[in-house]
Amino acid sequence: MKSLITYSILAAAATSGLAFAAQTAYTTPVGYVTQALPANALTPIGLTLHPSAVAAGSIDTVAGALLTDAQAAFAPVANRLYILEITSGSLAGTIQEIVSASITPTTITTPTNLGAGGLTAGTTYKLRLAPTLEEIFGTGPTSSLTRALSSGTADIVWVPTGTAGGYEKYFVHSGTSAFRRAGTTTPTPNVPVTYVDGLFIQKKATASSLVITGEVKTGASNSVLPGFGLSPVSIVAPAGLTLKTAGFDDDFTKALSSGSADVLWVPTGPGVYAKYYVHSAQGWRSVSTNTNVVGDPVLPNGVLVQRKSGSTMNLDLLVPAFYSNL
């Protein structure tokens, strides 16, 4: 049996420094988090709990982008997206989006040449199904989204496309209980979401909440953000990360003022954000006061990163140190 750890218990552990151990050595703790979706607001959210791995093991051979695990018995679901996570070695935390057609019973072909990046035989991995919009929000009467016959009155999910300022927008059609692209009548089933990507939820007149269930991820992840614009980012850990422990400062462009530095937007209420940047010499500062941050603000489940430099950012998404004991 897997241990069940809720958000509130994890939050208490983060505050007290308490470490939890799973009931067996073979599973990761599972639980749920509840995220508020206020009315008449555009709210960033993150997927802080994750689907269980469908496969895990170690890589026997690496031939560029072709990875082989001779002991595996992969059985990919057609037309679904998978997330490969490297869990050891120099590339630990690296994730790759893998289409089902790139998976055979014993091999995975990655979109990036991981062999050239330093991946070696013996490295361990996990493979997960990327959750779909249907699996995250539901489409029936109990959906966390307000359904309607058109996107004009329905709630809208903004999914980043990976380009600066680029989003696809979806709503749940009340007549068919299916997701459609906003402004169209065409069904768009099984849109996948990569867990490091944040989402925007555009709520209309009615507030609701989103309950996410899944495993606690006990290791760091890496995300690639476009060079300009405002990108939603999921905080991978369900509780315990703070401004100064999330690891963003190593990746952000630093400057003497917020005008040329990358900026972290941390939601504090509907449409309200506290903004921070990394001063070249002084560390984290508040954008509004241009003074050093006092204390260490706790991060919510989703934040925004405003990139200034024009080059892509490799962003580390850490988890609290005590998660290694889960």
C-alpha atoms as a PDB file:
ATOM      1  CA  MET A   1       0.000   0.000   0.000  1.00  0.00           C
ATOM      2  CA  LYS A   2       1.249   3.467  -0.813  1.00  0.00           C
ATOM      3  CA  SER A   3       1.397   6.089   1.896  1.00  0.00           C
ATOM      4  CA  LEU A   4      -1.043   8.976   1.471  1.00  0.00           C
ATOM      5  CA  ILE A   5       0.417  12.398   2.248  1.00  0.00           C
ATOM      6  CA  THR A   6      -1.788  15.433   1.740  1.00  0.00           C
ATOM      7  CA  TYR A   7      -0.661  18.960   0.955  1.00  0.00           C
ATOM      8  CA  SER A   8      -1.334  20.109   4.524  1.00  0.00           C
ATOM      9  CA  ILE A   9       0.908  17.422   5.980  1.00  0.00           C
ATOM     10  CA  LEU A  10       3.688  18.227   3.518  1.00  0.00           C
ATOM     11  CA  ALA A  11       3.363  21.900   4.349  1.00  0.00           C
ATOM     12  CA  ALA A  12       3.732  21.124   8.040  1.00  0.00           C
ATOM     13  CA  ALA A  13       6.798  19.031   7.284  1.00  0.00           C
ATOM     14  CA  ALA A  14       8.321  21.878   5.301  1.00  0.00           C
ATOM     15  CA  THR A  15       7.785  24.239   8.228  1.00  0.00           C
ATOM     16  CA  SER A  16       9.095  21.922  10.925  1.00  0.00           C
ATOM     17  CA  GLY A  17      11.901  20.262   8.989  1.00  0.00           C
ATOM     18  CA  LEU A  18      10.279  16.877   9.627  1.00  0.00           C
ATOM     19  CA  ALA A  19      11.226  14.127   7.177  1.00  0.00           C
ATOM     20  CA  PHE A  20       8.735  11.478   6.089  1.00  0.00           C
ATOM     21  CA  ALA A  21       9.450   7.955   4.941  1.00  0.00           C
ATOM     22  CA  ALA A  22       7.242   5.971   2.605  1.00  0.00           C
ATOM     23  CA  GLN A  23       5.746   2.787   4.037  1.00  0.00           C
ATOM     24  CA  THR A  24       7.738   0.643   1.615  1.00  0.00           C
ATOM     25  CA  ALA A  25      10.976   1.117  -0.247  1.00  0.00           C
ATOM     26  CA  TYR A  26       9.270   0.702  -3.606  1.00  0.00           C
ATOM     27  CA  THR A  27       6.752   3.532  -3.846  1.00  0.00           C
ATOM     28  CA  THR A  28       6.636   7.292  -3.691  1.00  0.00           C
ATOM     29  CA  PRO A  29       4.104   8.989  -1.383  1.00  0.00           C
ATOM     30  CA  VAL A  30       0.865   9.987  -3.072  1.00  0.00           C
ATOM     31  CA  GLY A  31      -1.777  12.505  -2.095  1.00  0.00           C
ATOM     32  CA  TYR A  32      -3.716  15.496  -3.322  1.00  0.00           C
ATOM     33  CA  VAL A  33      -3.537  19.277  -3.472  1.00  0.00           C
ATOM     34  CA  THR A  34      -6.407  21.728  -3.873  1.00  0.00           C
ATOM     35  CA  GLN A  35      -5.843  24.897  -5.865  1.00  0.00           C
ATOM     36  CA  ALA A  36      -8.268  27.824  -5.720  1.00  0.00           C
ATOM     37  CA  LEU A  37      -9.540  29.222  -9.021  1.00  0.00           C
ATOM     38  CA  PRO A  38     -11.021  32.659  -8.256  1.00  0.00           C
ATOM     39  CA  ALA A  39     -13.761  34.171 -10.408  1.00  0.00           C
ATOM     40  CA  ASN A  40     -13.032  36.853 -13.004  1.00  0.00           C
ATOM     41  CA  ALA A  41      -9.300  36.219 -12.893  1.00  0.00           C
ATOM     42  CA  LEU A  42      -6.450  34.779 -14.935  1.00  0.00           C
ATOM     43  CA  THR A  43      -4.706  32.444 -12.500  1.00  0.00           C
ATOM     44  CA  PRO A  44      -1.400  30.593 -13.027  1.00  0.00           C
ATOM     45  CA  ILE A  45      -1.412  27.026 -11.721  1.00  0.00           C
ATOM     46  CA  GLY A  46       1.137  24.238 -11.579  1.00  0.00           C
ATOM     47  CA  LEU A  47       0.959  20.456 -11.588  1.00  0.00           C
ATOM     48  CA  THR A  48       2.655  19.721  -8.282  1.00  0.00           C
ATOM     49  CA  LEU A  49       1.683  16.046  -8.087  1.00  0.00           C
ATOM     50  CA  HIS A  50       2.377  13.642 -10.889  1.00  0.00           C
ATOM     51  CA  PRO A  51       1.130  10.434 -12.522  1.00  0.00           C
ATOM     52  CA  SER A  52       2.862   7.276 -11.366  1.00  0.00           C
ATOM     53  CA  ALA A  53       5.690   6.041 -13.563  1.00  0.00           C
ATOM     54  CA  VAL A  54       4.579   3.448 -16.106  1.00  0.00           C
ATOM     55  CA  ALA A  55       8.155   2.167 -16.333  1.00  0.00           C
ATOM     56  CA  ALA A  56      11.455   2.652 -14.545  1.00  0.00           C
ATOM     57  CA  GLY A  57      14.873   1.088 -14.855  1.00  0.00           C
ATOM     58  CA  SER A  58      18.395   1.683 -16.075  1.00  0.00           C
ATOM     59  CA  ILE A  59      19.646   2.294 -19.586  1.00  0.00           C
ATOM     60  CA  ASP A  60      21.788  -0.487 -21.046  1.00  0.00           C
ATOM     61  CA  THR A  61      23.047   1.309 -24.150  1.00  0.00           C
ATOM     62  CA  VAL A  62      23.056   4.872 -25.453  1.00  0.00           C
ATOM     63  CA  ALA A  63      23.418   5.466 -29.187  1.00  0.00           C
ATOM     64  CA  GLY A  64      22.874   9.189 -29.615  1.00  0.00           C
ATOM     65  CA  ALA A  65      19.136   9.669 -29.198  1.00  0.00           C
ATOM     66  CA  LEU A  66      18.383   5.920 -29.070  1.00  0.00           C
ATOM     67  CA  LEU A  67      18.179   4.548 -25.521  1.00  0.00           C
ATOM     68  CA  THR A  68      17.864   0.815 -24.878  1.00  0.00           C
ATOM     69  CA  ASP A  69      16.720  -0.998 -21.745  1.00  0.00           C
ATOM     70  CA  ALA A  70      16.906  -4.683 -22.626  1.00  0.00           C
ATOM     71  CA  GLN A  71      14.869  -5.637 -19.543  1.00  0.00           C
ATOM     72  CA  ALA A  72      11.986  -3.286 -20.369  1.00  0.00           C
ATOM     73  CA  ALA A  73       8.600  -4.205 -21.781  1.00  0.00           C
ATOM     74  CA  PHE A  74       7.256  -0.834 -22.824  1.00  0.00           C
ATOM     75  CA  ALA A  75       3.662  -0.885 -24.081  1.00  0.00           C
ATOM     76  CA  PRO A  76       2.931   2.689 -25.195  1.00  0.00           C
ATOM     77  CA  VAL A  77      -0.623   3.887 -25.684  1.00  0.00           C
ATOM     78  CA  ALA A  78      -1.058   5.107 -29.257  1.00  0.00           C
ATOM     79  CA  ASN A  79      -1.191   8.864 -29.797  1.00  0.00           C
ATOM     80  CA  ARG A  80      -0.260   9.713 -26.222  1.00  0.00           C
ATOM     81  CA  LEU A  81       2.669  11.801 -25.012  1.00  0.00           C
ATOM     82  CA  TYR A  82       5.134  10.405 -22.485  1.00  0.00           C
ATOM     83  CA  ILE A  83       7.630  12.177 -20.242  1.00  0.00           C
ATOM     84  CA  LEU A  84      11.048  10.579 -19.837  1.00  0.00           C
ATOM     85  CA  GLU A  85      12.860  11.685 -16.705  1.00  0.00           C
ATOM     86  CA  ILE A  86      16.556  10.992 -16.153  1.00  0.00           C
ATOM     87  CA  THR A  87      17.016  10.228 -12.455  1.00  0.00           C
ATOM     88  CA  SER A  88      20.768   9.730 -12.014  1.00  0.00           C
ATOM     89  CA  GLY A  89      24.104  10.836 -13.414  1.00  0.00           C
ATOM     90  CA  SER A  90      25.170  14.156 -14.833  1.00  0.00           C
ATOM     91  CA  LEU A  91      21.811  14.713 -16.580  1.00  0.00           C
ATOM     92  CA  ALA A  92      19.635  13.946 -13.542  1.00  0.00           C
ATOM     93  CA  GLY A  93      16.476  16.041 -13.702  1.00  0.00           C
ATOM     94  CA  THR A  94      16.481  16.247 -17.501  1.00  0.00           C
ATOM     95  CA  ILE A  95      13.084  15.521 -19.023  1.00  0.00           C
ATOM     96  CA  GLN A  96      12.147  14.720 -22.606  1.00  0.00           C
ATOM     97  CA  GLU A  97       8.735  14.698 -24.285  1.00  0.00           C
ATOM     98  CA  ILE A  98       8.379  11.356 -26.084  1.00  0.00           C
ATOM     99  CA  VAL A  99       5.602  10.581 -28.566  1.00  0.00           C
ATOM    100  CA  SER A 100       4.278   7.030 -28.387  1.00  0.00           C
ATOM    101  CA  ALA A 101       5.576   6.242 -31.887  1.00  0.00           C
ATOM    102  CA  SER A 102       9.139   6.744 -30.589  1.00  0.00           C
ATOM    103  CA  ILE A 103       8.811   3.932 -28.049  1.00  0.00           C
ATOM    104  CA  THR A 104       9.297   0.222 -28.799  1.00  0.00           C
ATOM    105  CA  PRO A 105       9.179  -2.593 -26.215  1.00  0.00           C
ATOM    106  CA  THR A 106      12.848  -2.037 -25.296  1.00  0.00           C
ATOM    107  CA  THR A 107      13.868   1.333 -26.778  1.00  0.00           C
ATOM    108  CA  ILE A 108      13.077   5.039 -26.489  1.00  0.00           C
ATOM    109  CA  THR A 109      14.131   7.570 -29.132  1.00  0.00           C
ATOM    110  CA  THR A 110      14.446  11.043 -27.641  1.00  0.00           C
ATOM    111  CA  PRO A 111      14.024  14.338 -29.538  1.00  0.00           C
ATOM    112  CA  THR A 112      17.405  15.464 -28.202  1.00  0.00           C
ATOM    113  CA  ASN A 113      20.708  13.627 -28.640  1.00  0.00           C
ATOM    114  CA  LEU A 114      21.232  12.803 -24.972  1.00  0.00           C
ATOM    115  CA  GLY A 115      24.321  10.739 -25.768  1.00  0.00           C
ATOM    116  CA  ALA A 116      26.039  13.861 -27.042  1.00  0.00           C
ATOM    117  CA  GLY A 117      24.931  15.609 -23.871  1.00  0.00           C
ATOM    118  CA  GLY A 118      26.719  13.110 -21.645  1.00  0.00           C
ATOM    119  CA  LEU A 119      24.145  10.387 -20.988  1.00  0.00           C
ATOM    120  CA  THR A 120      25.820   7.032 -20.351  1.00  0.00           C
ATOM    121  CA  ALA A 121      24.857   3.400 -19.875  1.00  0.00           C
ATOM    122  CA  GLY A 122      23.752   2.601 -16.331  1.00  0.00           C
ATOM    123  CA  THR A 123      21.827   5.852 -15.947  1.00  0.00           C
ATOM    124  CA  THR A 124      18.410   5.371 -14.346  1.00  0.00           C
ATOM    125  CA  TYR A 125      15.137   6.769 -15.652  1.00  0.00           C
ATOM    126  CA  LYS A 126      11.379   6.956 -15.146  1.00  0.00           C
ATOM    127  CA  LEU A 127       8.726   7.089 -17.852  1.00  0.00           C
ATOM    128  CA  ARG A 128       5.333   8.695 -17.205  1.00  0.00           C
ATOM    129  CA  LEU A 129       2.239   9.434 -19.263  1.00  0.00           C
ATOM    130  CA  ALA A 130       1.701  13.160 -19.661  1.00  0.00           C
ATOM    131  CA  PRO A 131      -1.748  13.939 -18.220  1.00  0.00           C
ATOM    132  CA  THR A 132      -4.367  15.323 -20.579  1.00  0.00           C
ATOM    133  CA  LEU A 133      -6.717  18.249 -20.053  1.00  0.00           C
ATOM    134  CA  GLU A 134      -9.555  15.740 -19.580  1.00  0.00           C
ATOM    135  CA  GLU A 135      -7.631  13.935 -16.847  1.00  0.00           C
ATOM    136  CA  ILE A 136      -6.690  17.157 -15.060  1.00  0.00           C
ATOM    137  CA  PHE A 137      -9.969  19.096 -15.193  1.00  0.00           C
ATOM    138  CA  GLY A 138     -12.691  16.616 -16.149  1.00  0.00           C
ATOM    139  CA  THR A 139     -15.325  17.379 -18.777  1.00  0.00           C
ATOM    140  CA  GLY A 140     -18.629  16.413 -17.155  1.00  0.00           C
ATOM    141  CA  PRO A 141     -20.934  18.392 -14.850  1.00  0.00           C
ATOM    142  CA  THR A 142     -18.426  18.052 -11.983  1.00  0.00           C
ATOM    143  CA  SER A 143     -15.572  19.588 -14.002  1.00  0.00           C
ATOM    144  CA  SER A 144     -13.553  22.225 -12.177  1.00  0.00           C
ATOM    145  CA  LEU A 145     -14.126  24.437 -15.230  1.00  0.00           C
ATOM    146  CA  THR A 146     -17.362  26.222 -16.070  1.00  0.00           C
ATOM    147  CA  ARG A 147     -18.671  24.644 -19.281  1.00  0.00           C
ATOM    148  CA  ALA A 148     -20.615  26.474 -21.991  1.00  0.00           C
ATOM    149  CA  LEU A 149     -21.655  26.259 -25.625  1.00  0.00           C
ATOM    150  CA  SER A 150     -18.962  28.768 -26.619  1.00  0.00           C
ATOM    151  CA  SER A 151     -15.661  30.042 -25.289  1.00  0.00           C
ATOM    152  CA  GLY A 152     -17.258  33.444 -24.742  1.00  0.00           C
ATOM    153  CA  THR A 153     -18.849  32.310 -21.494  1.00  0.00           C
ATOM    154  CA  ALA A 154     -16.842  29.171 -20.650  1.00  0.00           C
ATOM    155  CA  ASP A 155     -13.684  29.062 -18.561  1.00  0.00           C
ATOM    156  CA  ILE A 156     -10.549  28.828 -20.692  1.00  0.00           C
ATOM    157  CA  VAL A 157      -7.305  26.912 -20.167  1.00  0.00           C
ATOM    158  CA  TRP A 158      -4.206  28.562 -21.610  1.00  0.00           C
ATOM    159  CA  VAL A 159      -1.534  25.989 -22.544  1.00  0.00           C
ATOM    160  CA  PRO A 160       1.937  27.351 -23.424  1.00  0.00           C
ATOM    161  CA  THR A 161       3.299  26.367 -26.824  1.00  0.00           C
ATOM    162  CA  GLY A 162       6.992  26.868 -25.990  1.00  0.00           C
ATOM    163  CA  THR A 163       7.338  30.072 -27.999  1.00  0.00           C
ATOM    164  CA  ALA A 164       7.548  33.496 -26.409  1.00  0.00           C
ATOM    165  CA  GLY A 165       4.029  34.594 -25.534  1.00  0.00           C
ATOM    166  CA  GLY A 166       2.508  31.626 -27.382  1.00  0.00           C
ATOM    167  CA  TYR A 167      -0.571  29.803 -26.035  1.00  0.00           C
ATOM    168  CA  GLU A 168      -3.279  27.474 -27.251  1.00  0.00           C
ATOM    169  CA  LYS A 169      -6.599  28.098 -25.520  1.00  0.00           C
ATOM    170  CA  TYR A 170      -9.240  25.453 -24.751  1.00  0.00           C
ATOM    171  CA  PHE A 171     -12.703  25.244 -23.144  1.00  0.00           C
ATOM    172  CA  VAL A 172     -15.174  22.484 -22.291  1.00  0.00           C
ATOM    173  CA  HIS A 173     -18.195  22.451 -24.605  1.00  0.00           C
ATOM    174  CA  SER A 174     -21.271  21.777 -22.465  1.00  0.00           C
ATOM    175  CA  GLY A 175     -23.205  20.066 -25.255  1.00  0.00           C
ATOM    176  CA  THR A 176     -20.603  17.396 -25.989  1.00  0.00           C
ATOM    177  CA  SER A 177     -18.599  17.351 -22.722  1.00  0.00           C
ATOM    178  CA  ALA A 178     -15.437  17.639 -24.782  1.00  0.00           C
ATOM    179  CA  PHE A 179     -12.571  20.095 -24.955  1.00  0.00           C
ATOM    180  CA  ARG A 180     -12.515  22.432 -27.939  1.00  0.00           C
ATOM    181  CA  ARG A 181     -10.048  25.055 -29.046  1.00  0.00           C
ATOM    182  CA  ALA A 182     -11.365  28.482 -28.057  1.00  0.00           C
ATOM    183  CA  GLY A 183     -13.270  30.173 -30.870  1.00  0.00           C
ATOM    184  CA  THR A 184     -13.843  26.950 -32.810  1.00  0.00           C
ATOM    185  CA  THR A 185     -16.310  24.069 -32.898  1.00  0.00           C
ATOM    186  CA  THR A 186     -13.658  21.391 -33.433  1.00  0.00           C
ATOM    187  CA  PRO A 187     -13.107  18.842 -30.629  1.00  0.00           C
ATOM    188  CA  THR A 188      -9.495  18.668 -29.394  1.00  0.00           C
ATOM    189  CA  PRO A 189      -9.222  15.482 -27.319  1.00  0.00           C
ATOM    190  CA  ASN A 190      -6.235  14.419 -25.216  1.00  0.00           C
ATOM    191  CA  VAL A 191      -4.211  17.640 -25.222  1.00  0.00           C
ATOM    192  CA  PRO A 192      -1.169  16.698 -23.074  1.00  0.00           C
ATOM    193  CA  VAL A 193       0.413  18.838 -20.374  1.00  0.00           C
ATOM    194  CA  THR A 194       4.076  18.546 -19.379  1.00  0.00           C
ATOM    195  CA  TYR A 195       4.337  18.835 -15.606  1.00  0.00           C
ATOM    196  CA  VAL A 196       7.073  21.493 -15.584  1.00  0.00           C
ATOM    197  CA  ASP A 197       4.837  23.799 -17.637  1.00  0.00           C
ATOM    198  CA  GLY A 198       2.464  26.045 -15.790  1.00  0.00           C
ATOM    199  CA  LEU A 199      -1.015  26.827 -17.104  1.00  0.00           C
ATOM    200  CA  PHE A 200      -3.273  29.844 -16.979  1.00  0.00           C
ATOM    201  CA  ILE A 201      -6.902  29.309 -15.984  1.00  0.00           C
ATOM    202  CA  GLN A 202      -9.178  32.100 -17.171  1.00  0.00           C
ATOM    203  CA  LYS A 203     -12.202  31.883 -14.891  1.00  0.00           C
ATOM    204  CA  LYS A 204     -15.348  33.761 -15.782  1.00  0.00           C
ATOM    205  CA  ALA A 205     -18.160  34.497 -13.304  1.00  0.00           C
ATOM    206  CA  THR A 206     -17.927  31.490 -10.969  1.00  0.00           C
ATOM    207  CA  ALA A 207     -15.069  30.567  -8.653  1.00  0.00           C
ATOM    208  CA  SER A 208     -14.117  26.908  -8.221  1.00  0.00           C
ATOM    209  CA  SER A 209     -11.225  24.747  -7.107  1.00  0.00           C
ATOM    210  CA  LEU A 210      -8.986  22.208  -8.806  1.00  0.00           C
ATOM    211  CA  VAL A 211      -7.979  19.012  -6.998  1.00  0.00           C
ATOM    212  CA  ILE A 212      -4.845  17.332  -8.331  1.00  0.00           C
ATOM    213  CA  THR A 213      -3.866  13.842  -7.210  1.00  0.00           C
ATOM    214  CA  GLY A 214      -0.702  11.895  -7.832  1.00  0.00           C
ATOM    215  CA  GLU A 215       2.793  11.116  -6.623  1.00  0.00           C
ATOM    216  CA  VAL A 216       5.163  13.468  -4.869  1.00  0.00           C
ATOM    217  CA  LYS A 217       8.186  14.019  -7.095  1.00  0.00           C
ATOM    218  CA  THR A 218      11.278  13.605  -4.940  1.00  0.00           C
ATOM    219  CA  GLY A 219      13.910  14.959  -7.333  1.00  0.00           C
ATOM    220  CA  ALA A 220      14.650  18.105  -9.293  1.00  0.00           C
ATOM    221  CA  SER A 221      13.558  18.801 -12.882  1.00  0.00           C
ATOM    222  CA  ASN A 222      14.786  21.049 -15.660  1.00  0.00           C
ATOM    223  CA  SER A 223      12.679  23.252 -17.904  1.00  0.00           C
ATOM    224  CA  VAL A 224      13.572  25.266 -21.009  1.00  0.00           C
ATOM    225  CA  LEU A 225      11.918  28.692 -21.302  1.00  0.00           C
ATOM    226  CA  PRO A 226      11.808  30.972 -24.367  1.00  0.00           C
ATOM    227  CA  GLY A 227      14.057  34.006 -24.498  1.00  0.00           C
ATOM    228  CA  PHE A 228      11.414  36.713 -24.177  1.00  0.00           C
ATOM    229  CA  GLY A 229       8.025  37.086 -22.593  1.00  0.00           C
ATOM    230  CA  LEU A 230       6.159  35.801 -19.575  1.00  0.00           C
ATOM    231  CA  SER A 231       6.115  32.025 -19.091  1.00  0.00           C
ATOM    232  CA  PRO A 232       4.018  30.133 -16.508  1.00  0.00           C
ATOM    233  CA  VAL A 233       6.111  27.586 -14.610  1.00  0.00           C
ATOM    234  CA  SER A 234       4.901  24.755 -12.402  1.00  0.00           C
ATOM    235  CA  ILE A 235       6.542  24.416  -8.998  1.00  0.00           C
ATOM    236  CA  VAL A 236       7.234  20.684  -9.091  1.00  0.00           C
ATOM    237  CA  ALA A 237       7.092  20.196  -5.306  1.00  0.00           C
ATOM    238  CA  PRO A 238       3.634  20.411  -3.654  1.00  0.00           C
ATOM    239  CA  ALA A 239       4.951  22.230  -0.571  1.00  0.00           C
ATOM    240  CA  GLY A 240       8.081  23.609   1.024  1.00  0.00           C
ATOM    241  CA  LEU A 241       9.898  25.540  -1.704  1.00  0.00           C
ATOM    242  CA  THR A 242      10.766  29.172  -1.116  1.00  0.00           C
ATOM    243  CA  LEU A 243      12.147  32.038  -3.152  1.00  0.00           C
ATOM    244  CA  LYS A 244      15.674  31.313  -1.969  1.00  0.00           C
ATOM    245  CA  THR A 245      15.588  27.503  -2.066  1.00  0.00           C
ATOM    246  CA  ALA A 246      13.890  26.922  -5.443  1.00  0.00           C
ATOM    247  CA  GLY A 247      17.199  27.338  -7.303  1.00  0.00           C
ATOM    248  CA  PHE A 248      16.029  30.058  -9.693  1.00  0.00           C
ATOM    249  CA  ASP A 249      18.782  32.515  -8.767  1.00  0.00           C
ATOM    250  CA  ASP A 250      21.464  30.430 -10.503  1.00  0.00           C
ATOM    251  CA  ASP A 251      19.536  30.527 -13.780  1.00  0.00           C
ATOM    252  CA  PHE A 252      18.096  34.047 -13.833  1.00  0.00           C
ATOM    253  CA  THR A 253      19.875  36.855 -15.671  1.00  0.00           C
ATOM    254  CA  LYS A 254      21.184  39.161 -12.943  1.00  0.00           C
ATOM    255  CA  ALA A 255      21.484  42.950 -13.239  1.00  0.00           C
ATOM    256  CA  LEU A 256      21.826  46.125 -11.189  1.00  0.00           C
ATOM    257  CA  SER A 257      18.145  46.896 -11.738  1.00  0.00           C
ATOM    258  CA  SER A 258      14.947  45.058 -12.613  1.00  0.00           C
ATOM    259  CA  GLY A 259      14.837  46.789 -15.980  1.00  0.00           C
ATOM    260  CA  SER A 260      17.325  44.372 -17.526  1.00  0.00           C
ATOM    261  CA  ALA A 261      17.122  41.414 -15.117  1.00  0.00           C
ATOM    262  CA  ASP A 262      14.776  38.445 -15.376  1.00  0.00           C
ATOM    263  CA  VAL A 263      11.796  38.846 -13.076  1.00  0.00           C
ATOM    264  CA  LEU A 264       9.904  36.252 -11.036  1.00  0.00           C
ATOM    265  CA  TRP A 265       6.177  36.961 -10.640  1.00  0.00           C
ATOM    266  CA  VAL A 266       4.712  35.279  -7.543  1.00  0.00           C
ATOM    267  CA  PRO A 267       0.896  35.415  -7.305  1.00  0.00           C
ATOM    268  CA  THR A 268      -0.396  36.761  -3.983  1.00  0.00           C
ATOM    269  CA  GLY A 269      -4.084  37.124  -4.931  1.00  0.00           C
ATOM    270  CA  PRO A 270      -6.362  37.283  -7.990  1.00  0.00           C
ATOM    271  CA  GLY A 271      -4.413  39.290 -10.550  1.00  0.00           C
ATOM    272  CA  VAL A 272      -1.900  40.466  -7.920  1.00  0.00           C
ATOM    273  CA  TYR A 273       1.796  39.563  -7.970  1.00  0.00           C
ATOM    274  CA  ALA A 274       4.896  40.154  -5.881  1.00  0.00           C
ATOM    275  CA  LYS A 275       7.823  40.596  -8.272  1.00  0.00           C
ATOM    276  CA  TYR A 276      11.454  39.752  -7.583  1.00  0.00           C
ATOM    277  CA  TYR A 277      14.759  39.948  -9.459  1.00  0.00           C
ATOM    278  CA  VAL A 278      18.342  38.918  -8.703  1.00  0.00           C
ATOM    279  CA  HIS A 279      20.626  41.914  -8.106  1.00  0.00           C
ATOM    280  CA  SER A 280      24.138  41.395  -9.482  1.00  0.00           C
ATOM    281  CA  ALA A 281      25.722  41.905  -6.070  1.00  0.00           C
ATOM    282  CA  GLN A 282      22.932  41.780  -3.492  1.00  0.00           C
ATOM    283  CA  GLY A 283      20.840  38.712  -4.386  1.00  0.00           C
ATOM    284  CA  TRP A 284      17.033  38.675  -4.443  1.00  0.00           C
ATOM    285  CA  ARG A 285      15.344  42.065  -4.427  1.00  0.00           C
ATOM    286  CA  SER A 286      11.770  43.295  -4.596  1.00  0.00           C
ATOM    287  CA  VAL A 287      10.962  45.035  -7.864  1.00  0.00           C
ATOM    288  CA  SER A 288       8.491  47.418  -6.224  1.00  0.00           C
ATOM    289  CA  THR A 289      10.847  48.691  -3.508  1.00  0.00           C
ATOM    290  CA  ASN A 290      14.257  47.810  -5.033  1.00  0.00           C
ATOM    291  CA  THR A 291      15.340  46.579  -1.599  1.00  0.00           C
ATOM    292  CA  ASN A 292      16.724  43.228  -0.503  1.00  0.00           C
ATOM    293  CA  VAL A 293      14.089  40.607   0.258  1.00  0.00           C
ATOM    294  CA  VAL A 294      13.511  40.216   3.990  1.00  0.00           C
ATOM    295  CA  GLY A 295      12.763  36.647   5.007  1.00  0.00           C
ATOM    296  CA  ASP A 296      12.129  33.915   2.474  1.00  0.00           C
ATOM    297  CA  PRO A 297       8.656  33.919   0.857  1.00  0.00           C
ATOM    298  CA  VAL A 298       7.061  30.523   0.260  1.00  0.00           C
ATOM    299  CA  LEU A 299       6.260  29.853  -3.403  1.00  0.00           C
ATOM    300  CA  PRO A 300       2.755  28.785  -4.483  1.00  0.00           C
ATOM    301  CA  ASN A 301       2.081  25.987  -6.978  1.00  0.00           C
ATOM    302  CA  GLY A 302       2.575  28.153 -10.074  1.00  0.00           C
ATOM    303  CA  VAL A 303       4.697  31.235 -10.826  1.00  0.00           C
ATOM    304  CA  LEU A 304       5.591  33.331 -13.871  1.00  0.00           C
ATOM    305  CA  VAL A 305       9.088  33.934 -15.237  1.00  0.00           C
ATOM    306  CA  GLN A 306       9.669  37.108 -17.251  1.00  0.00           C
ATOM    307  CA  ARG A 307      12.682  36.542 -19.478  1.00  0.00           C
ATOM    308  CA  LYS A 308      14.617  39.554 -20.828  1.00  0.00           C
ATOM    309  CA  SER A 309      17.820  38.358 -22.531  1.00  0.00           C
ATOM    310  CA  GLY A 310      16.502  36.840 -25.760  1.00  0.00           C
ATOM    311  CA  SER A 311      18.257  33.511 -25.201  1.00  0.00           C
ATOM    312  CA  THR A 312      16.491  30.431 -23.907  1.00  0.00           C
ATOM    313  CA  MET A 313      16.757  29.667 -20.203  1.00  0.00           C
ATOM    314  CA  ASN A 314      17.538  26.263 -18.705  1.00  0.00           C
ATOM    315  CA  LEU A 315      15.619  26.558 -15.454  1.00  0.00           C
ATOM    316  CA  ASP A 316      16.228  24.207 -12.531  1.00  0.00           C
ATOM    317  CA  LEU A 317      13.104  23.260 -10.572  1.00  0.00           C
ATOM    318  CA  LEU A 318      14.301  21.967  -7.207  1.00  0.00           C
ATOM    319  CA  VAL A 319      12.470  20.167  -4.421  1.00  0.00           C
ATOM    320  CA  PRO A 320      13.079  20.615  -0.666  1.00  0.00           C
ATOM    321  CA  ALA A 321      15.988  18.583   0.690  1.00  0.00           C
ATOM    322  CA  PHE A 322      13.780  16.487   2.971  1.00  0.00           C
ATOM    323  CA  TYR A 323      11.908  15.079  -0.076  1.00  0.00           C
ATOM    324  CA  SER A 324      14.857  12.718  -0.646  1.00  0.00           C
ATOM    325  CA  ASN A 325      13.642  10.805   2.433  1.00  0.00           C
ATOM    326  CA  LEU A 326      10.113  10.275   1.104  1.00  0.00           C
END
